[in-house]
N, C-alpha and C. Protein backbone atom coordinates (compact mmCIF):
# COMPACT_ATOMS: atom_id res chain seq x y z
N UNK A 1 111.61 83.02 117.23
CA UNK A 1 111.06 82.53 118.68
C UNK A 1 111.26 81.41 119.46
N UNK A 2 111.58 81.49 120.69
CA UNK A 2 111.43 79.97 121.27
C UNK A 2 111.54 80.31 122.12
N UNK A 3 110.62 78.70 122.98
CA UNK A 3 109.91 78.18 123.80
C UNK A 3 107.70 78.97 123.53
N UNK A 4 107.41 78.80 124.41
CA UNK A 4 105.87 79.22 124.50
C UNK A 4 105.78 80.58 124.16
N UNK A 5 104.41 80.99 123.23
CA UNK A 5 104.66 82.02 123.11
C UNK A 5 104.26 82.94 124.59
N UNK A 6 103.96 84.02 125.10
CA UNK A 6 103.36 84.87 126.32
C UNK A 6 101.74 84.16 126.34
N UNK A 7 101.17 84.17 125.38
CA UNK A 7 100.23 83.77 125.61
C UNK A 7 99.51 82.50 124.62
N UNK A 8 99.89 81.54 124.60
CA UNK A 8 99.96 80.25 123.87
C UNK A 8 98.21 80.50 123.24
N UNK A 9 97.64 81.08 124.06
CA UNK A 9 95.73 80.78 123.38
C UNK A 9 95.74 81.78 122.68
N UNK A 10 96.73 82.88 122.51
CA UNK A 10 95.85 83.82 121.59
C UNK A 10 97.14 84.06 120.90
N UNK A 11 96.81 84.18 119.18
CA UNK A 11 97.72 83.96 117.95
C UNK A 11 97.63 85.14 117.39
N UNK A 12 96.60 86.08 117.75
CA UNK A 12 96.56 87.35 117.38
C UNK A 12 97.11 88.81 118.54
N UNK A 13 97.72 88.68 119.32
CA UNK A 13 98.19 89.14 120.64
C UNK A 13 99.33 90.64 119.99
N UNK A 14 98.78 91.75 119.82
CA UNK A 14 99.02 93.02 119.47
C UNK A 14 99.26 93.07 118.09
N UNK A 15 98.02 92.43 117.70
CA UNK A 15 97.59 92.92 116.00
C UNK A 15 96.94 94.02 116.02
N UNK A 16 96.73 94.72 114.89
CA UNK A 16 95.33 95.83 114.72
C UNK A 16 94.14 94.87 114.15
N UNK A 17 92.99 95.59 114.55
CA UNK A 17 92.08 94.50 114.04
C UNK A 17 91.68 95.08 112.90
N UNK A 18 90.48 95.37 111.55
CA UNK A 18 90.21 96.47 110.94
C UNK A 18 90.41 97.20 110.98
N UNK A 19 90.35 97.81 112.15
CA UNK A 19 89.62 99.24 111.95
C UNK A 19 90.99 99.68 112.67
N UNK A 20 91.61 100.81 112.12
CA UNK A 20 92.83 101.34 112.11
C UNK A 20 93.09 101.47 113.63
N UNK A 21 91.90 102.47 114.16
CA UNK A 21 91.85 102.94 115.32
C UNK A 21 91.81 101.92 116.52
N UNK A 22 91.04 101.12 116.24
CA UNK A 22 91.10 100.33 117.54
C UNK A 22 91.97 99.10 117.93
N UNK A 23 92.98 99.27 118.86
CA UNK A 23 93.93 98.21 118.84
C UNK A 23 93.42 96.82 120.16
N UNK A 24 93.77 96.07 119.44
CA UNK A 24 93.27 94.96 120.51
C UNK A 24 93.85 94.93 121.49
N UNK A 25 93.36 95.24 122.84
CA UNK A 25 94.11 95.15 123.86
C UNK A 25 93.81 93.92 125.15
N UNK A 26 93.37 93.09 124.48
CA UNK A 26 93.14 91.60 125.45
C UNK A 26 93.63 90.41 124.26
N UNK A 27 93.80 89.61 125.10
CA UNK A 27 93.74 88.15 124.31
C UNK A 27 93.02 87.65 123.50
N UNK A 28 93.29 87.36 122.20
CA UNK A 28 91.89 87.46 120.92
C UNK A 28 91.80 85.48 121.53
N UNK A 29 91.02 84.91 121.99
CA UNK A 29 90.69 83.83 122.67
C UNK A 29 89.58 82.48 121.32
N UNK A 30 90.41 81.76 120.98
CA UNK A 30 89.64 80.94 120.44
C UNK A 30 89.15 79.75 120.92
N UNK A 31 88.46 79.23 120.04
CA UNK A 31 87.71 77.81 121.06
C UNK A 31 88.26 76.73 120.65
N UNK A 32 87.96 75.48 121.00
CA UNK A 32 88.27 74.06 121.22
C UNK A 32 87.65 73.94 119.26
N UNK A 33 86.50 74.71 119.25
CA UNK A 33 85.80 74.53 118.04
C UNK A 33 86.21 74.78 116.72
N UNK A 34 86.61 75.64 117.02
CA UNK A 34 87.45 76.47 115.64
C UNK A 34 88.61 75.50 115.33
N UNK A 35 89.49 75.14 116.31
CA UNK A 35 90.46 74.43 115.86
C UNK A 35 90.07 72.73 115.61
N UNK A 36 88.92 72.27 115.93
CA UNK A 36 88.34 71.04 115.37
C UNK A 36 88.06 71.05 113.90
N UNK A 37 87.33 71.87 113.71
CA UNK A 37 86.81 73.01 112.92
C UNK A 37 87.63 72.75 111.29
N UNK A 38 89.12 73.31 111.99
CA UNK A 38 89.77 73.83 110.59
C UNK A 38 90.57 72.11 111.08
N UNK A 39 90.10 70.57 111.58
CA UNK A 39 90.89 69.76 111.48
C UNK A 39 89.49 69.51 110.34
N UNK A 40 88.58 69.36 110.60
CA UNK A 40 87.52 68.11 109.84
C UNK A 40 87.60 68.81 108.39
N UNK A 41 87.67 70.36 108.18
CA UNK A 41 88.63 70.85 106.22
C UNK A 41 89.47 70.50 106.05
N UNK A 42 90.56 70.07 107.30
CA UNK A 42 91.36 69.91 106.37
C UNK A 42 91.34 68.43 105.79
N UNK A 43 90.75 67.30 106.72
CA UNK A 43 90.39 66.13 106.30
C UNK A 43 89.54 65.82 105.10
N UNK A 44 89.09 67.05 104.73
CA UNK A 44 87.29 66.83 103.75
C UNK A 44 87.98 67.08 102.69
N UNK A 45 90.01 67.43 103.00
CA UNK A 45 90.34 67.48 101.03
C UNK A 45 90.78 66.25 100.61
N UNK A 46 90.68 65.46 101.47
CA UNK A 46 91.24 63.86 101.57
C UNK A 46 90.40 63.58 100.12
N UNK A 47 89.28 63.93 100.04
CA UNK A 47 88.30 64.02 98.90
C UNK A 47 88.79 63.47 97.85
N UNK A 48 90.01 64.64 97.71
CA UNK A 48 90.69 64.62 96.21
C UNK A 48 91.87 63.73 95.55
N UNK A 49 92.02 62.75 96.76
CA UNK A 49 93.24 61.61 96.63
C UNK A 49 92.68 60.57 95.57
N UNK A 50 91.50 59.80 95.76
CA UNK A 50 91.01 59.32 95.05
C UNK A 50 90.55 59.62 92.98
N UNK A 51 90.57 61.11 93.05
CA UNK A 51 90.84 61.62 91.95
C UNK A 51 92.06 61.41 91.51
N UNK A 52 93.24 61.74 92.10
CA UNK A 52 94.66 61.89 91.55
C UNK A 52 94.81 60.05 91.45
N UNK A 53 94.88 59.72 92.27
CA UNK A 53 95.04 57.77 92.64
C UNK A 53 94.66 57.16 90.78
N UNK A 54 93.05 57.98 91.38
CA UNK A 54 92.67 57.20 89.44
C UNK A 54 93.47 57.70 88.25
N UNK A 55 93.82 58.84 88.18
CA UNK A 55 95.06 59.46 87.26
C UNK A 55 96.35 58.51 87.39
N UNK A 56 96.77 58.28 88.15
CA UNK A 56 97.95 57.73 88.64
C UNK A 56 97.58 56.42 87.80
N UNK A 57 97.13 55.69 88.35
CA UNK A 57 96.76 54.38 88.05
C UNK A 57 96.37 54.09 86.00
N UNK A 58 96.16 55.25 85.53
CA UNK A 58 96.12 55.01 84.01
C UNK A 58 96.93 56.30 83.29
N UNK A 59 97.66 56.27 83.61
CA UNK A 59 98.41 57.53 83.46
C UNK A 59 98.40 57.76 82.24
N UNK A 60 98.75 56.53 81.23
CA UNK A 60 98.99 57.00 80.02
C UNK A 60 97.22 57.53 78.83
N UNK A 61 96.07 57.09 79.92
CA UNK A 61 95.04 57.58 79.31
C UNK A 61 94.32 58.67 79.90
N UNK A 62 95.48 59.16 80.73
CA UNK A 62 94.80 60.72 81.52
C UNK A 62 96.31 61.68 80.42
N UNK A 63 97.00 61.25 80.04
CA UNK A 63 98.11 61.85 79.43
C UNK A 63 97.24 62.09 77.97
N UNK A 64 96.61 61.30 77.41
CA UNK A 64 96.25 61.40 76.35
C UNK A 64 95.06 62.73 76.21
N UNK A 65 93.80 62.33 77.75
CA UNK A 65 92.86 63.78 77.77
C UNK A 65 93.88 64.70 77.69
N UNK A 66 95.20 64.92 78.53
CA UNK A 66 95.41 66.09 78.73
C UNK A 66 96.09 66.55 77.37
N UNK A 67 96.45 65.50 76.55
CA UNK A 67 96.97 66.32 74.80
C UNK A 67 95.41 66.61 74.39
N UNK A 68 94.20 66.64 75.08
CA UNK A 68 93.64 66.97 73.90
C UNK A 68 93.16 68.58 73.93
N UNK A 69 93.43 68.55 75.40
CA UNK A 69 93.48 70.40 75.95
C UNK A 69 94.02 71.45 74.71
N UNK A 70 93.86 72.22 74.99
CA UNK A 70 95.03 73.22 74.04
C UNK A 70 96.02 74.05 75.60
N UNK A 71 95.89 73.62 76.34
CA UNK A 71 97.13 74.22 77.53
C UNK A 71 97.70 72.76 77.77
N UNK A 72 97.64 71.32 77.81
CA UNK A 72 97.93 70.88 78.00
C UNK A 72 98.72 69.92 76.73
N UNK A 73 98.21 70.47 75.69
CA UNK A 73 98.81 70.03 74.27
C UNK A 73 100.71 70.42 74.02
N UNK A 74 100.42 71.82 74.78
CA UNK A 74 102.00 72.00 74.66
C UNK A 74 103.30 70.89 75.67
N UNK A 75 102.79 70.44 77.25
CA UNK A 75 103.69 69.61 77.41
C UNK A 75 102.32 68.49 78.44
N UNK A 76 101.81 67.46 77.84
CA UNK A 76 100.99 66.94 78.30
C UNK A 76 100.99 65.89 79.43
N UNK A 77 102.70 65.25 79.04
CA UNK A 77 103.57 64.62 80.28
C UNK A 77 103.52 65.27 81.40
N UNK A 78 104.24 66.47 81.38
CA UNK A 78 104.63 67.53 82.59
C UNK A 78 103.27 67.58 83.52
N UNK A 79 102.26 67.87 82.32
CA UNK A 79 100.95 68.44 83.02
C UNK A 79 100.06 68.00 83.20
N UNK A 80 100.25 66.39 83.12
CA UNK A 80 99.26 65.04 83.93
C UNK A 80 99.87 65.05 85.00
N UNK A 81 101.10 64.71 85.22
CA UNK A 81 102.10 64.23 86.25
C UNK A 81 101.71 65.43 87.55
N UNK A 82 102.17 66.56 87.05
CA UNK A 82 101.53 67.94 87.97
C UNK A 82 100.31 67.50 88.82
N UNK A 83 99.55 67.39 88.07
CA UNK A 83 97.93 67.12 87.97
C UNK A 83 97.85 66.23 88.84
N UNK A 84 98.09 65.19 88.47
CA UNK A 84 98.10 64.15 89.78
C UNK A 84 98.51 63.83 90.81
N UNK A 85 99.62 64.34 90.75
CA UNK A 85 100.73 64.22 92.30
C UNK A 85 99.81 65.55 93.14
N UNK A 86 99.27 66.29 92.55
CA UNK A 86 98.64 67.97 93.25
C UNK A 86 98.00 66.93 93.80
N UNK A 87 96.68 66.57 92.97
CA UNK A 87 95.68 66.12 93.76
C UNK A 87 95.96 64.46 94.67
N UNK A 88 96.93 64.34 94.70
CA UNK A 88 97.72 63.16 96.02
C UNK A 88 98.22 64.03 96.76
N UNK A 89 99.04 64.34 96.49
CA UNK A 89 100.01 64.98 97.32
C UNK A 89 99.14 66.48 98.45
N UNK A 90 98.65 67.53 97.90
CA UNK A 90 98.58 68.24 98.49
C UNK A 90 97.44 68.24 99.65
N UNK A 91 96.51 67.38 99.16
CA UNK A 91 95.70 67.24 100.53
C UNK A 91 96.31 66.23 101.59
N UNK A 92 96.96 65.65 101.52
CA UNK A 92 98.15 65.05 102.12
C UNK A 92 98.34 65.75 102.98
N UNK A 93 99.27 66.87 102.61
CA UNK A 93 99.77 67.99 103.25
C UNK A 93 98.78 68.84 104.07
N UNK A 94 97.74 68.89 103.35
CA UNK A 94 96.43 69.63 104.14
C UNK A 94 95.77 68.97 105.64
N UNK A 95 95.82 67.47 104.91
CA UNK A 95 95.01 66.70 106.23
C UNK A 95 95.84 66.67 108.01
N UNK A 96 97.58 66.38 107.21
CA UNK A 96 98.41 66.73 108.15
C UNK A 96 98.63 68.02 108.97
N UNK A 97 98.24 68.97 108.24
CA UNK A 97 98.50 70.43 108.59
C UNK A 97 100.07 70.83 108.56
N UNK A 98 100.48 70.03 107.40
CA UNK A 98 101.88 71.01 107.06
C UNK A 98 101.81 71.56 105.78
N UNK A 99 102.67 72.84 106.29
CA UNK A 99 102.74 73.78 105.16
C UNK A 99 101.15 74.26 104.59
N UNK A 100 100.61 74.42 105.22
CA UNK A 100 99.23 74.34 104.96
C UNK A 100 98.63 75.39 104.26
N UNK A 101 98.82 76.62 104.53
CA UNK A 101 98.68 78.16 103.70
C UNK A 101 99.38 77.93 102.28
N UNK A 102 100.72 77.43 101.72
CA UNK A 102 100.90 76.80 100.74
C UNK A 102 100.60 76.06 99.66
N UNK A 103 99.84 74.86 100.97
CA UNK A 103 99.70 73.75 100.25
C UNK A 103 97.87 74.35 99.42
N UNK A 104 97.28 74.65 100.47
CA UNK A 104 95.95 74.86 100.38
C UNK A 104 95.49 76.36 99.16
N UNK A 105 96.91 77.12 99.25
CA UNK A 105 96.49 77.96 97.85
C UNK A 105 96.61 76.96 97.13
N UNK A 106 97.52 76.23 96.47
CA UNK A 106 98.06 75.29 95.25
C UNK A 106 96.77 74.76 94.75
N UNK A 107 96.08 73.97 96.12
CA UNK A 107 95.51 73.51 95.53
C UNK A 107 93.98 74.04 95.17
N UNK A 108 94.06 74.91 95.38
CA UNK A 108 92.61 75.94 95.51
C UNK A 108 93.12 76.05 93.78
N UNK A 109 94.14 76.66 93.33
CA UNK A 109 94.45 77.11 92.34
C UNK A 109 94.06 75.85 91.18
N UNK A 110 95.01 74.39 91.54
CA UNK A 110 94.96 73.77 90.70
C UNK A 110 93.44 73.14 90.11
N UNK A 111 92.66 73.17 91.37
CA UNK A 111 91.33 72.41 90.80
C UNK A 111 90.32 73.94 90.47
N UNK A 112 90.72 75.32 90.43
CA UNK A 112 90.24 76.30 90.03
C UNK A 112 90.53 76.04 88.16
N UNK A 113 92.28 76.01 87.66
CA UNK A 113 92.63 75.63 86.80
C UNK A 113 91.61 74.75 86.01
N UNK A 114 91.33 73.47 86.76
CA UNK A 114 91.20 72.02 86.12
C UNK A 114 89.63 72.61 85.61
N UNK A 115 88.67 73.57 86.76
CA UNK A 115 87.70 73.83 86.29
C UNK A 115 87.66 74.68 84.83
N UNK A 116 88.82 75.94 85.15
CA UNK A 116 88.70 76.54 83.74
C UNK A 116 88.92 75.96 82.55
N UNK A 117 89.96 74.86 82.71
CA UNK A 117 90.51 74.45 81.25
C UNK A 117 89.71 73.35 81.25
N UNK A 118 89.15 72.50 82.23
CA UNK A 118 88.66 70.92 81.44
C UNK A 118 87.10 71.20 81.53
N UNK A 119 86.75 71.89 82.02
CA UNK A 119 84.94 72.21 82.22
C UNK A 119 84.51 73.26 81.16
N UNK A 120 85.05 74.64 81.54
CA UNK A 120 85.08 75.71 80.80
C UNK A 120 85.01 75.88 79.09
N UNK A 121 85.93 75.06 79.09
CA UNK A 121 86.76 75.19 77.63
C UNK A 121 86.03 74.07 76.70
N UNK A 122 85.34 73.32 77.15
CA UNK A 122 84.55 72.50 76.26
C UNK A 122 84.21 72.68 75.56
N UNK A 123 83.53 72.11 74.19
CA UNK A 123 82.80 72.89 73.02
C UNK A 123 81.10 72.83 73.84
N UNK A 124 80.77 71.82 74.00
CA UNK A 124 79.38 71.08 74.39
C UNK A 124 79.20 71.99 76.61
N UNK A 125 80.01 72.84 76.52
CA UNK A 125 80.16 73.28 77.66
C UNK A 125 78.47 74.13 77.81
N UNK A 126 77.81 73.89 79.21
CA UNK A 126 76.60 74.58 79.82
C UNK A 126 76.26 75.14 81.08
N UNK A 127 76.08 76.00 81.22
CA UNK A 127 76.56 76.76 82.47
C UNK A 127 75.59 75.24 84.13
N UNK A 128 74.51 74.94 83.13
CA UNK A 128 73.97 73.94 83.87
C UNK A 128 74.01 72.63 83.80
N UNK A 129 73.53 71.79 84.39
CA UNK A 129 73.79 70.34 84.10
C UNK A 129 72.26 70.03 84.08
N UNK A 130 71.70 68.61 83.55
CA UNK A 130 70.34 68.57 83.00
C UNK A 130 69.43 68.61 84.64
N UNK A 131 70.22 68.29 85.80
CA UNK A 131 69.76 68.05 87.27
C UNK A 131 69.96 69.35 87.62
N UNK A 132 70.15 70.13 86.68
CA UNK A 132 70.62 71.73 87.84
C UNK A 132 71.35 72.08 87.86
N UNK A 133 72.71 71.40 88.76
CA UNK A 133 73.91 71.75 89.18
C UNK A 133 74.71 72.48 88.56
N UNK A 134 75.39 73.17 88.81
CA UNK A 134 76.29 73.88 87.86
C UNK A 134 77.65 72.77 87.58
N UNK A 135 77.76 73.23 86.51
CA UNK A 135 78.71 72.04 85.23
C UNK A 135 79.95 72.46 86.19
N UNK A 136 80.73 71.05 86.60
CA UNK A 136 82.36 70.96 87.09
C UNK A 136 81.94 71.68 88.62
N UNK A 137 81.16 71.07 89.58
CA UNK A 137 80.72 72.14 90.35
C UNK A 137 81.51 71.20 91.51
N UNK A 138 81.85 69.91 91.29
CA UNK A 138 82.65 69.29 92.51
C UNK A 138 84.39 70.05 92.55
N UNK A 139 84.69 70.49 91.24
CA UNK A 139 86.37 71.59 91.47
C UNK A 139 85.67 72.71 91.91
N UNK A 140 84.88 73.27 91.82
CA UNK A 140 84.45 74.31 92.26
C UNK A 140 84.22 74.39 93.87
N UNK A 141 83.88 73.33 94.90
CA UNK A 141 83.37 72.98 95.70
C UNK A 141 85.03 73.13 96.29
N UNK A 142 85.64 72.02 95.80
CA UNK A 142 86.78 71.58 96.14
C UNK A 142 87.92 72.87 96.61
N UNK A 143 87.42 74.09 95.20
CA UNK A 143 88.28 75.37 95.80
C UNK A 143 87.80 76.25 96.93
N UNK A 144 86.53 75.99 97.22
CA UNK A 144 86.08 76.52 98.39
C UNK A 144 86.28 75.85 99.83
N UNK A 145 86.47 74.54 99.32
CA UNK A 145 87.15 73.41 100.24
C UNK A 145 88.34 73.94 101.36
N UNK A 146 89.47 74.40 100.19
CA UNK A 146 90.73 74.64 100.31
C UNK A 146 90.93 76.12 100.40
N UNK A 147 90.12 76.67 99.53
CA UNK A 147 90.97 78.47 99.91
C UNK A 147 90.75 78.94 101.23
N UNK A 148 89.62 78.46 101.72
CA UNK A 148 89.99 79.34 103.02
C UNK A 148 90.76 78.70 104.39
N UNK A 149 91.49 77.87 104.08
CA UNK A 149 92.53 77.00 104.80
C UNK A 149 93.92 78.23 104.43
N UNK A 150 94.11 78.83 103.30
CA UNK A 150 94.97 79.46 102.89
C UNK A 150 95.10 80.78 103.37
N UNK A 151 94.04 80.96 104.26
CA UNK A 151 93.75 82.23 104.88
C UNK A 151 93.99 81.53 106.70
N UNK A 152 93.39 80.83 106.90
CA UNK A 152 92.95 80.65 108.25
C UNK A 152 94.70 80.48 108.60
N UNK A 153 95.13 78.89 108.04
CA UNK A 153 96.10 78.40 108.23
C UNK A 153 95.36 77.19 108.89
N UNK A 154 96.50 76.20 109.50
CA UNK A 154 96.02 74.79 109.96
C UNK A 154 95.47 74.57 111.32
N UNK A 155 95.53 75.55 111.86
CA UNK A 155 95.23 75.69 113.97
C UNK A 155 96.23 74.48 114.17
N UNK A 156 95.75 74.69 115.89
CA UNK A 156 96.66 74.37 116.65
C UNK A 156 96.61 72.85 116.19
N UNK A 157 96.10 72.22 115.86
CA UNK A 157 95.99 70.72 115.87
C UNK A 157 96.47 70.41 114.73
N UNK A 158 97.53 70.78 114.19
CA UNK A 158 98.63 70.30 113.15
C UNK A 158 100.36 70.58 113.20
N UNK A 159 100.70 69.47 112.18
CA UNK A 159 102.08 69.80 112.25
C UNK A 159 102.72 71.44 112.04
N UNK A 160 102.16 72.09 111.59
CA UNK A 160 102.48 73.93 111.30
C UNK A 160 102.17 74.34 112.92
N UNK A 161 101.46 74.00 113.53
CA UNK A 161 101.62 74.22 115.01
C UNK A 161 102.86 73.75 115.48
N UNK A 162 103.12 72.50 115.46
CA UNK A 162 104.20 71.83 116.20
C UNK A 162 105.56 72.72 115.60
N UNK A 163 105.82 72.93 114.43
CA UNK A 163 107.06 73.47 113.87
C UNK A 163 107.23 74.52 113.89
N UNK A 164 105.87 75.37 114.33
CA UNK A 164 106.28 77.22 114.23
C UNK A 164 105.58 77.67 116.30
N UNK A 165 106.47 76.62 116.97
CA UNK A 165 105.59 77.31 118.41
C UNK A 165 104.54 77.39 118.77
N UNK A 166 103.40 76.78 118.65
CA UNK A 166 102.33 77.38 118.74
C UNK A 166 101.82 77.96 117.90
N UNK A 167 102.28 78.47 117.22
CA UNK A 167 101.24 79.01 116.08
C UNK A 167 101.23 78.52 114.89
N UNK A 168 99.53 79.00 114.55
CA UNK A 168 98.92 78.10 112.90
C UNK A 168 99.67 78.53 112.05
């Protein structure tokens, strides 16, 4: 598709709604608030970057901790580098709005994997912390932060929008 779409404010023209019998006969409009909300959501994923930077700065210690895990023991260096680079690179892609859907899915899968493998499989695992929070809730919150972006895309204020002729 070249040039501007016939209705640049409408990303879903001629698409069917959830009800198969009900066809959208008018452009679906999105407010600027939606795009601003997606920018805020994308920028909030940058909270993951310091975790990855910390791991990169002391990679030998992180590799040793990965080697102590059942899954990481097979290839601790590879797993450690993938986790650390994923925690730095994926949020940067999301903040820029570049390859948003796959980056968001991979970030959500990464954090769900970290929660499952590093929190739940511990011998001293308890569902709740002494303060009443869910054990490993930071990882789960980051899953909840990134997974919606896998479904919505980056919005109009993103590099994805620029590289796809206005579609998010």
